[in-house]
Protein backbone atom coordinates (compact mmCIF):
# COMPACT_ATOMS: atom_id res chain seq x y z
CA MET A 1 -7.28 -34.99 -32.28
CA LEU A 2 -7.27 -38.39 -30.98
CA GLU A 3 -10.63 -40.36 -30.83
CA GLY A 4 -11.24 -43.72 -29.22
CA VAL A 5 -7.78 -44.46 -28.90
CA PRO A 6 -6.23 -46.33 -25.63
CA ASP A 7 -5.09 -44.04 -22.96
CA ILE A 8 -1.49 -45.26 -23.08
CA VAL A 9 -1.26 -44.72 -26.95
CA SER A 10 -2.71 -41.10 -26.73
CA GLU A 11 -0.39 -40.34 -23.76
CA LEU A 12 2.52 -41.65 -26.12
CA ILE A 13 1.47 -39.54 -28.89
CA THR A 14 0.94 -36.54 -26.80
CA ARG A 15 4.50 -36.64 -25.77
CA GLU A 16 5.95 -36.88 -29.13
CA VAL A 17 3.89 -34.12 -30.97
CA ASP A 18 4.60 -30.41 -30.86
CA ILE A 19 1.00 -29.27 -31.05
CA PRO A 20 -1.72 -29.78 -28.50
CA ALA A 21 -3.36 -33.12 -28.47
CA ILE A 22 -7.21 -33.08 -28.18
CA GLY A 23 -8.78 -36.53 -26.86
CA ILE A 24 -12.30 -37.55 -27.33
CA GLY A 25 -12.58 -41.05 -25.59
CA ALA A 26 -8.46 -41.13 -25.53
CA GLY A 27 -7.89 -41.11 -21.76
CA PRO A 28 -6.72 -38.24 -19.54
CA ALA A 29 -3.38 -37.73 -21.06
CA THR A 30 -4.08 -35.38 -23.77
CA ASP A 31 -3.59 -31.77 -23.66
CA ARG A 32 -7.25 -30.83 -23.88
CA GLN A 33 -10.54 -32.75 -23.93
CA VAL A 34 -13.83 -32.70 -26.09
CA LEU A 35 -16.99 -34.02 -25.80
CA ALA A 36 -20.04 -33.50 -27.92
CA LEU A 37 -22.52 -31.26 -26.55
CA HIS A 38 -25.47 -33.48 -27.20
CA ASP A 39 -23.72 -36.21 -25.26
CA VAL A 40 -22.76 -33.62 -22.34
CA LEU A 41 -26.58 -32.76 -22.15
CA GLY A 42 -27.87 -36.36 -22.22
CA LEU A 43 -29.76 -35.72 -25.66
CA GLY A 44 -29.00 -39.04 -26.83
CA SER A 45 -30.88 -42.49 -26.75
CA GLY A 46 -29.21 -43.39 -23.58
CA SER A 47 -26.76 -45.68 -25.24
CA TYR A 48 -23.36 -43.79 -25.00
CA PRO A 49 -19.81 -44.82 -25.96
CA LYS A 50 -17.73 -45.70 -22.69
CA PHE A 51 -15.89 -42.56 -23.05
CA VAL A 52 -19.11 -40.19 -22.63
CA ARG A 53 -20.15 -39.10 -19.24
CA PRO A 54 -23.79 -37.35 -19.66
CA TYR A 55 -24.04 -34.45 -17.09
CA ALA A 56 -27.71 -34.25 -17.51
CA SER A 57 -30.57 -36.13 -18.92
CA LEU A 58 -32.30 -33.72 -21.11
CA ALA A 59 -33.76 -35.99 -23.88
CA ASP A 60 -36.90 -36.75 -22.12
CA GLU A 61 -37.54 -33.17 -21.04
CA ALA A 62 -36.84 -32.03 -24.60
CA THR A 63 -39.28 -34.53 -26.21
CA ALA A 64 -41.93 -33.59 -23.61
CA ALA A 65 -41.50 -29.95 -24.54
CA LEU A 66 -41.96 -30.43 -28.14
CA GLU A 67 -45.06 -32.71 -27.58
CA ARG A 68 -46.55 -29.87 -25.50
CA HIS A 69 -45.79 -27.48 -28.23
CA VAL A 70 -47.36 -29.44 -30.87
CA ALA A 71 -50.38 -30.00 -28.79
CA ASP A 72 -50.70 -26.10 -28.07
CA VAL A 73 -50.41 -25.42 -31.81
CA THR A 74 -53.06 -28.12 -32.85
CA SER A 75 -55.45 -26.81 -30.46
CA SER A 76 -55.00 -23.06 -31.54
CA ASP A 77 -53.81 -22.46 -27.93
CA PHE A 78 -50.25 -21.22 -29.43
CA PRO A 79 -49.72 -18.60 -30.33
CA GLY A 80 -52.25 -16.60 -28.29
CA GLU A 81 -52.41 -12.80 -27.73
CA ASP A 82 -49.35 -12.76 -25.48
CA GLU A 83 -47.25 -14.12 -28.26
CA SER A 84 -48.69 -11.77 -30.97
CA ASP A 85 -47.84 -8.47 -31.92
CA ASP A 86 -50.75 -5.80 -32.06
CA VAL A 87 -51.63 -3.06 -34.89
CA LEU A 88 -53.56 0.01 -34.27
CA ASP A 89 -57.27 -0.82 -34.99
CA GLU A 90 -57.10 2.23 -37.49
CA ILE A 91 -54.17 0.60 -39.36
CA ALA A 92 -55.82 -2.86 -39.49
CA ALA A 93 -59.00 -1.38 -40.85
CA VAL A 94 -57.21 0.14 -43.59
CA MET A 95 -55.43 -3.11 -44.28
CA PHE A 96 -58.54 -5.10 -44.52
CA ARG A 97 -60.64 -2.43 -46.35
CA SER A 98 -57.88 -2.46 -49.10
CA ARG A 99 -58.02 -6.22 -49.69
CA LYS A 100 -60.77 -8.51 -51.16
CA PHE A 101 -61.34 -11.60 -49.17
CA VAL A 102 -63.02 -14.51 -50.79
């Protein structure tokens, strides 16, 4: 694994070693490339190292989705009937009858 090294250095190392050289921020000469998933998806703060190329910008969308979820839970809109499993009325009656609620 070669991380954050100049491309000429990674090329020389890749030529010399008998195992695959994997690069992250090490230029195109390595045998394989790796990039962290959150960087690929653009889930960071917007400030990325030079070698990162975000292929999406999902941070704002993910934050908005979480804010909508919190709002739905806080307002008791989630979970609703569509997201809840039902029990036969007869079974529910027996369950409640056998419990003492204070």
